[in-house]
PDB file of N, CA and C in Angstrom:
ATOM      1  N   UNK A   1      -5.784 -21.157 -20.527  1.00  0.00           N
ATOM      2  CA  UNK A   1      -4.445 -21.715 -20.460  1.00  0.00           C
ATOM      3  C   UNK A   1      -3.777 -21.250 -19.159  1.00  0.00           C
ATOM      4  N   UNK A   2      -3.157 -22.162 -18.473  1.00  0.00           N
ATOM      5  CA  UNK A   2      -2.496 -21.865 -17.206  1.00  0.00           C
ATOM      6  C   UNK A   2      -1.185 -21.118 -17.447  1.00  0.00           C
ATOM      7  N   UNK A   3      -0.907 -20.196 -16.536  1.00  0.00           N
ATOM      8  CA  UNK A   3       0.346 -19.448 -16.611  1.00  0.00           C
ATOM      9  C   UNK A   3       1.527 -20.331 -16.238  1.00  0.00           C
ATOM     10  N   UNK A   4       2.659 -20.072 -16.852  1.00  0.00           N
ATOM     11  CA  UNK A   4       3.886 -20.777 -16.476  1.00  0.00           C
ATOM     12  C   UNK A   4       4.548 -20.026 -15.330  1.00  0.00           C
ATOM     13  N   UNK A   5       5.501 -20.671 -14.713  1.00  0.00           N
ATOM     14  CA  UNK A   5       6.277 -20.053 -13.640  1.00  0.00           C
ATOM     15  C   UNK A   5       6.898 -18.746 -14.120  1.00  0.00           C
ATOM     16  N   UNK A   6       7.521 -18.774 -15.288  1.00  0.00           N
ATOM     17  CA  UNK A   6       8.176 -17.578 -15.819  1.00  0.00           C
ATOM     18  C   UNK A   6       7.175 -16.453 -16.069  1.00  0.00           C
ATOM     19  N   UNK A   7       5.996 -16.795 -16.570  1.00  0.00           N
ATOM     20  CA  UNK A   7       4.964 -15.777 -16.810  1.00  0.00           C
ATOM     21  C   UNK A   7       4.487 -15.147 -15.502  1.00  0.00           C
ATOM     22  N   UNK A   8       4.336 -15.984 -14.489  1.00  0.00           N
ATOM     23  CA  UNK A   8       3.899 -15.473 -13.182  1.00  0.00           C
ATOM     24  C   UNK A   8       4.932 -14.505 -12.621  1.00  0.00           C
ATOM     25  N   UNK A   9       6.200 -14.912 -12.582  1.00  0.00           N
ATOM     26  CA  UNK A   9       7.236 -14.053 -12.010  1.00  0.00           C
ATOM     27  C   UNK A   9       7.509 -12.818 -12.867  1.00  0.00           C
ATOM     28  N   UNK A  10       7.253 -12.894 -14.161  1.00  0.00           N
ATOM     29  CA  UNK A  10       7.425 -11.733 -15.032  1.00  0.00           C
ATOM     30  C   UNK A  10       6.426 -10.630 -14.677  1.00  0.00           C
ATOM     31  N   UNK A  11       5.316 -10.997 -14.083  1.00  0.00           N
ATOM     32  CA  UNK A  11       4.278 -10.024 -13.737  1.00  0.00           C
ATOM     33  C   UNK A  11       4.554  -9.299 -12.418  1.00  0.00           C
ATOM     34  N   UNK A  12       5.592  -9.689 -11.711  1.00  0.00           N
ATOM     35  CA  UNK A  12       5.913  -9.012 -10.446  1.00  0.00           C
ATOM     36  C   UNK A  12       6.176  -7.527 -10.648  1.00  0.00           C
ATOM     37  N   UNK A  13       6.734  -7.174 -11.776  1.00  0.00           N
ATOM     38  CA  UNK A  13       7.082  -5.766 -12.014  1.00  0.00           C
ATOM     39  C   UNK A  13       5.882  -4.940 -12.464  1.00  0.00           C
ATOM     40  N   UNK A  14       4.757  -5.590 -12.691  1.00  0.00           N
ATOM     41  CA  UNK A  14       3.576  -4.845 -13.135  1.00  0.00           C
ATOM     42  C   UNK A  14       2.362  -5.183 -12.265  1.00  0.00           C
ATOM     43  N   UNK A  15       2.531  -4.973 -10.963  1.00  0.00           N
ATOM     44  CA  UNK A  15       1.431  -5.233 -10.040  1.00  0.00           C
ATOM     45  C   UNK A  15       0.266  -4.299 -10.362  1.00  0.00           C
ATOM     46  N   UNK A  16      -0.960  -4.759 -10.157  1.00  0.00           N
ATOM     47  CA  UNK A  16      -2.118  -3.901 -10.421  1.00  0.00           C
ATOM     48  C   UNK A  16      -2.063  -2.600  -9.613  1.00  0.00           C
ATOM     49  N   UNK A  17      -2.514  -1.529 -10.232  1.00  0.00           N
ATOM     50  CA  UNK A  17      -2.508  -0.221  -9.581  1.00  0.00           C
ATOM     51  C   UNK A  17      -3.890   0.407  -9.652  1.00  0.00           C
ATOM     52  N   UNK A  18      -4.050   1.460  -8.874  1.00  0.00           N
ATOM     53  CA  UNK A  18      -5.306   2.205  -8.874  1.00  0.00           C
ATOM     54  C   UNK A  18      -4.999   3.651  -8.485  1.00  0.00           C
ATOM     55  N   UNK A  19      -5.642   4.581  -9.155  1.00  0.00           N
ATOM     56  CA  UNK A  19      -5.516   5.986  -8.752  1.00  0.00           C
ATOM     57  C   UNK A  19      -6.621   6.294  -7.764  1.00  0.00           C
ATOM     58  N   UNK A  20      -6.237   6.902  -6.648  1.00  0.00           N
ATOM     59  CA  UNK A  20      -7.181   7.206  -5.583  1.00  0.00           C
ATOM     60  C   UNK A  20      -7.221   8.719  -5.389  1.00  0.00           C
ATOM     61  N   UNK A  21      -8.393   9.291  -5.501  1.00  0.00           N
ATOM     62  CA  UNK A  21      -8.551  10.727  -5.272  1.00  0.00           C
ATOM     63  C   UNK A  21      -8.353  11.036  -3.796  1.00  0.00           C
ATOM     64  N   UNK A  22      -7.490  11.990  -3.524  1.00  0.00           N
ATOM     65  CA  UNK A  22      -7.225  12.432  -2.159  1.00  0.00           C
ATOM     66  C   UNK A  22      -7.525  13.924  -2.117  1.00  0.00           C
ATOM     67  N   UNK A  23      -8.765  14.307  -1.803  1.00  0.00           N
ATOM     68  CA  UNK A  23      -9.152  15.718  -1.833  1.00  0.00           C
ATOM     69  C   UNK A  23      -8.254  16.615  -0.986  1.00  0.00           C
ATOM     70  N   UNK A  24      -7.765  16.090   0.128  1.00  0.00           N
ATOM     71  CA  UNK A  24      -6.903  16.892   1.011  1.00  0.00           C
ATOM     72  C   UNK A  24      -5.588  17.276   0.339  1.00  0.00           C
ATOM     73  N   UNK A  25      -5.207  16.524  -0.679  1.00  0.00           N
ATOM     74  CA  UNK A  25      -3.978  16.823  -1.421  1.00  0.00           C
ATOM     75  C   UNK A  25      -4.266  17.478  -2.764  1.00  0.00           C
ATOM     76  N   UNK A  26      -5.544  17.579  -3.121  1.00  0.00           N
ATOM     77  CA  UNK A  26      -5.923  18.236  -4.360  1.00  0.00           C
ATOM     78  C   UNK A  26      -5.694  17.420  -5.609  1.00  0.00           C
ATOM     79  N   UNK A  27      -5.708  16.097  -5.488  1.00  0.00           N
ATOM     80  CA  UNK A  27      -5.510  15.267  -6.670  1.00  0.00           C
ATOM     81  C   UNK A  27      -5.498  13.796  -6.315  1.00  0.00           C
ATOM     82  N   UNK A  28      -5.010  12.996  -7.256  1.00  0.00           N
ATOM     83  CA  UNK A  28      -4.995  11.545  -7.085  1.00  0.00           C
ATOM     84  C   UNK A  28      -3.593  11.044  -6.782  1.00  0.00           C
ATOM     85  N   UNK A  29      -3.551   9.938  -6.087  1.00  0.00           N
ATOM     86  CA  UNK A  29      -2.303   9.233  -5.795  1.00  0.00           C
ATOM     87  C   UNK A  29      -2.434   7.834  -6.370  1.00  0.00           C
ATOM     88  N   UNK A  30      -1.388   7.378  -7.041  1.00  0.00           N
ATOM     89  CA  UNK A  30      -1.401   6.024  -7.614  1.00  0.00           C
ATOM     90  C   UNK A  30      -0.860   5.063  -6.555  1.00  0.00           C
ATOM     91  N   UNK A  31      -1.636   4.008  -6.295  1.00  0.00           N
ATOM     92  CA  UNK A  31      -1.184   2.981  -5.363  1.00  0.00           C
ATOM     93  C   UNK A  31      -1.163   1.639  -6.078  1.00  0.00           C
ATOM     94  N   UNK A  32      -0.380   0.728  -5.561  1.00  0.00           N
ATOM     95  CA  UNK A  32      -0.285  -0.604  -6.158  1.00  0.00           C
ATOM     96  C   UNK A  32      -0.534  -1.661  -5.092  1.00  0.00           C
ATOM     97  N   UNK A  33      -0.818  -2.863  -5.556  1.00  0.00           N
ATOM     98  CA  UNK A  33      -0.958  -3.996  -4.650  1.00  0.00           C
ATOM     99  C   UNK A  33       0.342  -4.172  -3.874  1.00  0.00           C
ATOM    100  N   UNK A  34       0.228  -4.582  -2.641  1.00  0.00           N
ATOM    101  CA  UNK A  34       1.397  -4.913  -1.842  1.00  0.00           C
ATOM    102  C   UNK A  34       1.776  -6.366  -2.104  1.00  0.00           C
ATOM    103  N   UNK A  35       3.064  -6.655  -2.005  1.00  0.00           N
ATOM    104  CA  UNK A  35       3.530  -8.027  -2.164  1.00  0.00           C
ATOM    105  C   UNK A  35       3.420  -8.764  -0.832  1.00  0.00           C
ATOM    106  N   UNK A  36       3.560 -10.064  -0.867  1.00  0.00           N
ATOM    107  CA  UNK A  36       3.533 -10.865   0.353  1.00  0.00           C
ATOM    108  C   UNK A  36       4.631 -10.416   1.312  1.00  0.00           C
ATOM    109  N   UNK A  37       5.828 -10.153   0.799  1.00  0.00           N
ATOM    110  CA  UNK A  37       6.929  -9.708   1.651  1.00  0.00           C
ATOM    111  C   UNK A  37       6.599  -8.376   2.326  1.00  0.00           C
ATOM    112  N   UNK A  38       5.961  -7.467   1.595  1.00  0.00           N
ATOM    113  CA  UNK A  38       5.591  -6.171   2.168  1.00  0.00           C
ATOM    114  C   UNK A  38       4.495  -6.318   3.220  1.00  0.00           C
ATOM    115  N   UNK A  39       3.533  -7.182   2.957  1.00  0.00           N
ATOM    116  CA  UNK A  39       2.475  -7.421   3.939  1.00  0.00           C
ATOM    117  C   UNK A  39       3.073  -8.039   5.197  1.00  0.00           C
ATOM    118  N   UNK A  40       4.007  -8.955   5.016  1.00  0.00           N
ATOM    119  CA  UNK A  40       4.673  -9.578   6.161  1.00  0.00           C
ATOM    120  C   UNK A  40       5.388  -8.518   7.000  1.00  0.00           C
ATOM    121  N   UNK A  41       6.085  -7.599   6.341  1.00  0.00           N
ATOM    122  CA  UNK A  41       6.784  -6.523   7.050  1.00  0.00           C
ATOM    123  C   UNK A  41       5.790  -5.626   7.799  1.00  0.00           C
ATOM    124  N   UNK A  42       4.705  -5.282   7.156  1.00  0.00           N
ATOM    125  CA  UNK A  42       3.694  -4.419   7.785  1.00  0.00           C
ATOM    126  C   UNK A  42       3.056  -5.129   8.972  1.00  0.00           C
ATOM    127  N   UNK A  43       2.759  -6.416   8.821  1.00  0.00           N
ATOM    128  CA  UNK A  43       2.182  -7.187   9.930  1.00  0.00           C
ATOM    129  C   UNK A  43       3.162  -7.260  11.104  1.00  0.00           C
ATOM    130  N   UNK A  44       4.458  -7.369  10.818  1.00  0.00           N
ATOM    131  CA  UNK A  44       5.475  -7.401  11.867  1.00  0.00           C
ATOM    132  C   UNK A  44       5.505  -6.070  12.621  1.00  0.00           C
ATOM    133  N   UNK A  45       5.446  -4.960  11.877  1.00  0.00           N
ATOM    134  CA  UNK A  45       5.395  -3.640  12.505  1.00  0.00           C
ATOM    135  C   UNK A  45       4.143  -3.530  13.366  1.00  0.00           C
ATOM    136  N   UNK A  46       3.019  -3.972  12.822  1.00  0.00           N
ATOM    137  CA  UNK A  46       1.747  -3.909  13.537  1.00  0.00           C
ATOM    138  C   UNK A  46       1.805  -4.724  14.826  1.00  0.00           C
ATOM    139  N   UNK A  47       2.385  -5.903  14.764  1.00  0.00           N
ATOM    140  CA  UNK A  47       2.458  -6.784  15.930  1.00  0.00           C
ATOM    141  C   UNK A  47       3.368  -6.208  17.015  1.00  0.00           C
ATOM    142  N   UNK A  48       4.472  -5.604  16.611  1.00  0.00           N
ATOM    143  CA  UNK A  48       5.458  -5.100  17.573  1.00  0.00           C
ATOM    144  C   UNK A  48       5.194  -3.686  18.052  1.00  0.00           C
ATOM    145  N   UNK A  49       4.280  -2.983  17.420  1.00  0.00           N
ATOM    146  CA  UNK A  49       4.024  -1.586  17.774  1.00  0.00           C
ATOM    147  C   UNK A  49       2.984  -1.499  18.887  1.00  0.00           C
ATOM    148  N   UNK A  50       3.229  -0.603  19.808  1.00  0.00           N
ATOM    149  CA  UNK A  50       2.226  -0.357  20.843  1.00  0.00           C
ATOM    150  C   UNK A  50       1.118   0.529  20.294  1.00  0.00           C
ATOM    151  N   UNK A  51       1.409   1.236  19.224  1.00  0.00           N
ATOM    152  CA  UNK A  51       0.436   2.122  18.588  1.00  0.00           C
ATOM    153  C   UNK A  51       0.170   1.612  17.172  1.00  0.00           C
ATOM    154  N   UNK A  52      -1.064   1.190  16.865  1.00  0.00           N
ATOM    155  CA  UNK A  52      -1.371   0.651  15.534  1.00  0.00           C
ATOM    156  C   UNK A  52      -1.090   1.616  14.392  1.00  0.00           C
ATOM    157  N   UNK A  53      -1.036   2.903  14.670  1.00  0.00           N
ATOM    158  CA  UNK A  53      -0.777   3.889  13.619  1.00  0.00           C
ATOM    159  C   UNK A  53       0.631   3.715  13.042  1.00  0.00           C
ATOM    160  N   UNK A  54       1.522   3.059  13.758  1.00  0.00           N
ATOM    161  CA  UNK A  54       2.896   2.845  13.285  1.00  0.00           C
ATOM    162  C   UNK A  54       2.926   2.071  11.973  1.00  0.00           C
ATOM    163  N   UNK A  55       1.888   1.299  11.677  1.00  0.00           N
ATOM    164  CA  UNK A  55       1.892   0.538  10.424  1.00  0.00           C
ATOM    165  C   UNK A  55       1.508   1.405   9.234  1.00  0.00           C
ATOM    166  N   UNK A  56       0.990   2.602   9.463  1.00  0.00           N
ATOM    167  CA  UNK A  56       0.559   3.469   8.365  1.00  0.00           C
ATOM    168  C   UNK A  56       1.723   3.904   7.472  1.00  0.00           C
ATOM    169  N   UNK A  57       2.822   4.277   8.082  1.00  0.00           N
ATOM    170  CA  UNK A  57       3.950   4.776   7.305  1.00  0.00           C
ATOM    171  C   UNK A  57       4.492   3.731   6.324  1.00  0.00           C
ATOM    172  N   UNK A  58       4.728   2.476   6.757  1.00  0.00           N
ATOM    173  CA  UNK A  58       5.201   1.506   5.762  1.00  0.00           C
ATOM    174  C   UNK A  58       4.180   1.212   4.668  1.00  0.00           C
ATOM    175  N   UNK A  59       2.901   1.296   4.990  1.00  0.00           N
ATOM    176  CA  UNK A  59       1.881   1.068   3.954  1.00  0.00           C
ATOM    177  C   UNK A  59       1.960   2.172   2.904  1.00  0.00           C
ATOM    178  N   UNK A  60       2.037   3.418   3.347  1.00  0.00           N
ATOM    179  CA  UNK A  60       2.131   4.546   2.415  1.00  0.00           C
ATOM    180  C   UNK A  60       3.423   4.442   1.606  1.00  0.00           C
ATOM    181  N   UNK A  61       4.519   4.147   2.282  1.00  0.00           N
ATOM    182  CA  UNK A  61       5.819   4.045   1.609  1.00  0.00           C
ATOM    183  C   UNK A  61       5.816   2.979   0.529  1.00  0.00           C
ATOM    184  N   UNK A  62       5.270   1.816   0.829  1.00  0.00           N
ATOM    185  CA  UNK A  62       5.322   0.696  -0.112  1.00  0.00           C
ATOM    186  C   UNK A  62       4.284   0.784  -1.222  1.00  0.00           C
ATOM    187  N   UNK A  63       3.120   1.364  -0.943  1.00  0.00           N
ATOM    188  CA  UNK A  63       2.044   1.300  -1.933  1.00  0.00           C
ATOM    189  C   UNK A  63       1.962   2.492  -2.874  1.00  0.00           C
ATOM    190  N   UNK A  64       2.474   3.656  -2.489  1.00  0.00           N
ATOM    191  CA  UNK A  64       2.395   4.836  -3.363  1.00  0.00           C
ATOM    192  C   UNK A  64       3.500   4.786  -4.410  1.00  0.00           C
ATOM    193  N   UNK A  65       3.099   4.925  -5.680  1.00  0.00           N
ATOM    194  CA  UNK A  65       4.084   4.812  -6.760  1.00  0.00           C
ATOM    195  C   UNK A  65       3.933   5.944  -7.772  1.00  0.00           C
ATOM    196  N   UNK A  66       4.983   6.138  -8.545  1.00  0.00           N
ATOM    197  CA  UNK A  66       4.968   7.051  -9.685  1.00  0.00           C
ATOM    198  C   UNK A  66       4.328   6.338 -10.871  1.00  0.00           C
ATOM    199  N   UNK A  67       4.107   7.068 -11.940  1.00  0.00           N
ATOM    200  CA  UNK A  67       3.528   6.500 -13.153  1.00  0.00           C
ATOM    201  C   UNK A  67       4.346   5.372 -13.753  1.00  0.00           C
ATOM    202  N   UNK A  68       5.670   5.380 -13.508  1.00  0.00           N
ATOM    203  CA  UNK A  68       6.533   4.333 -14.063  1.00  0.00           C
ATOM    204  C   UNK A  68       6.675   3.137 -13.127  1.00  0.00           C
ATOM    205  N   UNK A  69       5.955   3.156 -12.001  1.00  0.00           N
ATOM    206  CA  UNK A  69       5.975   2.026 -11.075  1.00  0.00           C
ATOM    207  C   UNK A  69       6.996   2.118  -9.963  1.00  0.00           C
ATOM    208  N   UNK A  70       7.843   3.140  -9.996  1.00  0.00           N
ATOM    209  CA  UNK A  70       8.828   3.300  -8.927  1.00  0.00           C
ATOM    210  C   UNK A  70       8.161   3.904  -7.693  1.00  0.00           C
ATOM    211  N   UNK A  71       8.784   3.683  -6.531  1.00  0.00           N
ATOM    212  CA  UNK A  71       8.224   4.219  -5.299  1.00  0.00           C
ATOM    213  C   UNK A  71       8.164   5.738  -5.349  1.00  0.00           C
ATOM    214  N   UNK A  72       7.036   6.273  -4.914  1.00  0.00           N
ATOM    215  CA  UNK A  72       6.822   7.711  -4.897  1.00  0.00           C
ATOM    216  C   UNK A  72       7.623   8.376  -3.785  1.00  0.00           C
ATOM    217  N   UNK A  73       7.621   7.764  -2.610  1.00  0.00           N
ATOM    218  CA  UNK A  73       8.306   8.334  -1.453  1.00  0.00           C
ATOM    219  C   UNK A  73       9.550   7.521  -1.137  1.00  0.00           C
ATOM    220  N   UNK A  74      10.722   8.181  -1.196  1.00  0.00           N
ATOM    221  CA  UNK A  74      11.996   7.517  -0.907  1.00  0.00           C
ATOM    222  C   UNK A  74      12.847   8.420  -0.023  1.00  0.00           C
ATOM    223  N   UNK A  75      13.783   7.819   0.675  1.00  0.00           N
ATOM    224  CA  UNK A  75      14.716   8.584   1.495  1.00  0.00           C
ATOM    225  C   UNK A  75      14.028   9.478   2.502  1.00  0.00           C
ATOM    226  N   UNK A  76      14.378  10.755   2.477  1.00  0.00           N
ATOM    227  CA  UNK A  76      13.825  11.741   3.407  1.00  0.00           C
ATOM    228  C   UNK A  76      12.324  11.939   3.240  1.00  0.00           C
ATOM    229  N   UNK A  77      11.790  11.579   2.081  1.00  0.00           N
ATOM    230  CA  UNK A  77      10.350  11.723   1.845  1.00  0.00           C
ATOM    231  C   UNK A  77       9.540  10.985   2.899  1.00  0.00           C
ATOM    232  N   UNK A  78      10.057   9.847   3.353  1.00  0.00           N
ATOM    233  CA  UNK A  78       9.316   9.023   4.296  1.00  0.00           C
ATOM    234  C   UNK A  78       9.033   9.814   5.570  1.00  0.00           C
ATOM    235  N   UNK A  79      10.018  10.535   6.039  1.00  0.00           N
ATOM    236  CA  UNK A  79       9.833  11.356   7.238  1.00  0.00           C
ATOM    237  C   UNK A  79       8.857  12.496   6.962  1.00  0.00           C
ATOM    238  N   UNK A  80       8.921  13.067   5.767  1.00  0.00           N
ATOM    239  CA  UNK A  80       8.031  14.170   5.409  1.00  0.00           C
ATOM    240  C   UNK A  80       6.577  13.736   5.265  1.00  0.00           C
ATOM    241  N   UNK A  81       6.358  12.465   4.953  1.00  0.00           N
ATOM    242  CA  UNK A  81       4.992  11.952   4.855  1.00  0.00           C
ATOM    243  C   UNK A  81       4.251  12.195   6.168  1.00  0.00           C
ATOM    244  N   UNK A  82       4.978  12.150   7.265  1.00  0.00           N
ATOM    245  CA  UNK A  82       4.366  12.349   8.580  1.00  0.00           C
ATOM    246  C   UNK A  82       3.824  13.760   8.766  1.00  0.00           C
ATOM    247  N   UNK A  83       4.192  14.685   7.894  1.00  0.00           N
ATOM    248  CA  UNK A  83       3.699  16.070   8.009  1.00  0.00           C
ATOM    249  C   UNK A  83       2.480  16.328   7.131  1.00  0.00           C
ATOM    250  N   UNK A  84       2.034  15.293   6.409  1.00  0.00           N
ATOM    251  CA  UNK A  84       0.853  15.437   5.552  1.00  0.00           C
ATOM    252  C   UNK A  84      -0.421  15.340   6.392  1.00  0.00           C
ATOM    253  N   UNK A  85      -1.527  15.846   5.886  1.00  0.00           N
ATOM    254  CA  UNK A  85      -2.783  15.781   6.637  1.00  0.00           C
ATOM    255  C   UNK A  85      -3.175  14.336   6.961  1.00  0.00           C
ATOM    256  N   UNK A  86      -3.634  14.136   8.190  1.00  0.00           N
ATOM    257  CA  UNK A  86      -4.054  12.808   8.633  1.00  0.00           C
ATOM    258  C   UNK A  86      -5.102  12.212   7.700  1.00  0.00           C
ATOM    259  N   UNK A  87      -6.073  12.992   7.293  1.00  0.00           N
ATOM    260  CA  UNK A  87      -7.147  12.481   6.434  1.00  0.00           C
ATOM    261  C   UNK A  87      -6.581  11.942   5.116  1.00  0.00           C
ATOM    262  N   UNK A  88      -5.557  12.572   4.591  1.00  0.00           N
ATOM    263  CA  UNK A  88      -4.944  12.112   3.348  1.00  0.00           C
ATOM    264  C   UNK A  88      -4.238  10.778   3.562  1.00  0.00           C
ATOM    265  N   UNK A  89      -3.489  10.671   4.634  1.00  0.00           N
ATOM    266  CA  UNK A  89      -2.772   9.431   4.942  1.00  0.00           C
ATOM    267  C   UNK A  89      -3.765   8.300   5.183  1.00  0.00           C
ATOM    268  N   UNK A  90      -4.808   8.585   5.931  1.00  0.00           N
ATOM    269  CA  UNK A  90      -5.813   7.569   6.215  1.00  0.00           C
ATOM    270  C   UNK A  90      -6.482   7.081   4.923  1.00  0.00           C
ATOM    271  N   UNK A  91      -6.785   8.001   4.011  1.00  0.00           N
ATOM    272  CA  UNK A  91      -7.405   7.622   2.737  1.00  0.00           C
ATOM    273  C   UNK A  91      -6.475   6.741   1.908  1.00  0.00           C
ATOM    274  N   UNK A  92      -5.194   7.059   1.883  1.00  0.00           N
ATOM    275  CA  UNK A  92      -4.215   6.252   1.146  1.00  0.00           C
ATOM    276  C   UNK A  92      -4.124   4.856   1.753  1.00  0.00           C
ATOM    277  N   UNK A  93      -4.021   4.798   3.073  1.00  0.00           N
ATOM    278  CA  UNK A  93      -3.895   3.502   3.758  1.00  0.00           C
ATOM    279  C   UNK A  93      -5.147   2.655   3.540  1.00  0.00           C
ATOM    280  N   UNK A  94      -6.318   3.254   3.674  1.00  0.00           N
ATOM    281  CA  UNK A  94      -7.558   2.503   3.466  1.00  0.00           C
ATOM    282  C   UNK A  94      -7.641   1.957   2.044  1.00  0.00           C
ATOM    283  N   UNK A  95      -7.263   2.770   1.070  1.00  0.00           N
ATOM    284  CA  UNK A  95      -7.298   2.323  -0.325  1.00  0.00           C
ATOM    285  C   UNK A  95      -6.289   1.203  -0.565  1.00  0.00           C
ATOM    286  N   UNK A  96      -5.101   1.342  -0.005  1.00  0.00           N
ATOM    287  CA  UNK A  96      -4.069   0.323  -0.169  1.00  0.00           C
ATOM    288  C   UNK A  96      -4.502  -0.989   0.470  1.00  0.00           C
ATOM    289  N   UNK A  97      -5.069  -0.912   1.659  1.00  0.00           N
ATOM    290  CA  UNK A  97      -5.514  -2.124   2.343  1.00  0.00           C
ATOM    291  C   UNK A  97      -6.662  -2.790   1.585  1.00  0.00           C
ATOM    292  N   UNK A  98      -7.558  -1.989   1.032  1.00  0.00           N
ATOM    293  CA  UNK A  98      -8.661  -2.541   0.242  1.00  0.00           C
ATOM    294  C   UNK A  98      -8.129  -3.204  -1.022  1.00  0.00           C
ATOM    295  N   UNK A  99      -7.242  -2.508  -1.726  1.00  0.00           N
ATOM    296  CA  UNK A  99      -6.689  -3.024  -2.967  1.00  0.00           C
ATOM    297  C   UNK A  99      -5.894  -4.319  -2.732  1.00  0.00           C
ATOM    298  N   UNK A 100      -5.169  -4.374  -1.627  1.00  0.00           N
ATOM    299  CA  UNK A 100      -4.351  -5.552  -1.319  1.00  0.00           C
ATOM    300  C   UNK A 100      -5.105  -6.596  -0.507  1.00  0.00           C
ATOM    301  N   UNK A 101      -6.397  -6.356  -0.314  1.00  0.00           N
ATOM    302  CA  UNK A 101      -7.272  -7.299   0.393  1.00  0.00           C
ATOM    303  C   UNK A 101      -6.809  -7.557   1.825  1.00  0.00           C
ATOM    304  N   UNK A 102      -6.434  -6.507   2.511  1.00  0.00           N
ATOM    305  CA  UNK A 102      -6.033  -6.598   3.912  1.00  0.00           C
ATOM    306  C   UNK A 102      -7.168  -6.211   4.851  1.00  0.00           C
ATOM    307  N   UNK A 103      -8.347  -6.076   4.312  1.00  0.00           N
ATOM    308  CA  UNK A 103      -9.538  -5.800   5.106  1.00  0.00           C
ATOM    309  C   UNK A 103     -10.517  -6.948   4.882  1.00  0.00           C
ATOM    310  N   UNK A 104     -11.434  -7.162   5.818  1.00  0.00           N
ATOM    311  CA  UNK A 104     -12.387  -8.263   5.619  1.00  0.00           C
ATOM    312  C   UNK A 104     -13.136  -8.093   4.296  1.00  0.00           C
ATOM    313  N   UNK A 105     -13.269  -9.168   3.568  1.00  0.00           N
ATOM    314  CA  UNK A 105     -13.968  -9.102   2.288  1.00  0.00           C
ATOM    315  C   UNK A 105     -15.457  -9.336   2.492  1.00  0.00           C
ATOM    316  N   UNK A 106     -16.206  -9.130   1.449  1.00  0.00           N
ATOM    317  CA  UNK A 106     -17.646  -9.321   1.502  1.00  0.00           C
ATOM    318  C   UNK A 106     -18.030 -10.772   1.774  1.00  0.00           C
ATOM    319  N   UNK A 107     -17.133 -11.698   1.454  1.00  0.00           N
ATOM    320  CA  UNK A 107     -17.448 -13.106   1.679  1.00  0.00           C
ATOM    321  C   UNK A 107     -17.091 -13.560   3.095  1.00  0.00           C
ATOM    322  N   UNK A 108     -16.686 -12.603   3.951  1.00  0.00           N
ATOM    323  CA  UNK A 108     -16.418 -12.915   5.344  1.00  0.00           C
ATOM    324  C   UNK A 108     -14.997 -13.345   5.630  1.00  0.00           C
ATOM    325  N   UNK A 109     -14.093 -13.197   4.664  1.00  0.00           N
ATOM    326  CA  UNK A 109     -12.693 -13.578   4.905  1.00  0.00           C
ATOM    327  C   UNK A 109     -12.131 -12.738   6.039  1.00  0.00           C
ATOM    328  N   UNK A 110     -11.375 -13.338   6.913  1.00  0.00           N
ATOM    329  CA  UNK A 110     -10.842 -12.601   8.069  1.00  0.00           C
ATOM    330  C   UNK A 110      -9.773 -11.606   7.686  1.00  0.00           C
ATOM    331  N   UNK A 111      -9.595 -10.595   8.527  1.00  0.00           N
ATOM    332  CA  UNK A 111      -8.598  -9.550   8.326  1.00  0.00           C
ATOM    333  C   UNK A 111      -7.207 -10.086   8.615  1.00  0.00           C
ATOM    334  N   UNK A 112      -7.054 -10.917   9.598  1.00  0.00           N
ATOM    335  CA  UNK A 112      -5.729 -11.439   9.957  1.00  0.00           C
ATOM    336  C   UNK A 112      -5.623 -12.914   9.708  1.00  0.00           C
TER     337      UNK A 112
END
């Protein structure tokens, strides 16, 4: 049975999530799929940045969540994320990009 418009939009608040082990942090971080609006924002940062690493912070900010689905890093936390180990940030970003299908897929789908 096909989903209705209301059923589709009702699922926005329960995007798929995944716990990713981050050994550098000594535990797992829960990440969720990024929305189209968030991907658009990240792509804009990526396009306008002279350094591709600039897109890492918005990916971490948008994809890391608490158990109740709220954003894990808010306010001043965003600046503090920059003090975390690079390997941990890279692992979070790679997992988020994989989960949100922002990397080439096995069927050859392009990254951009």
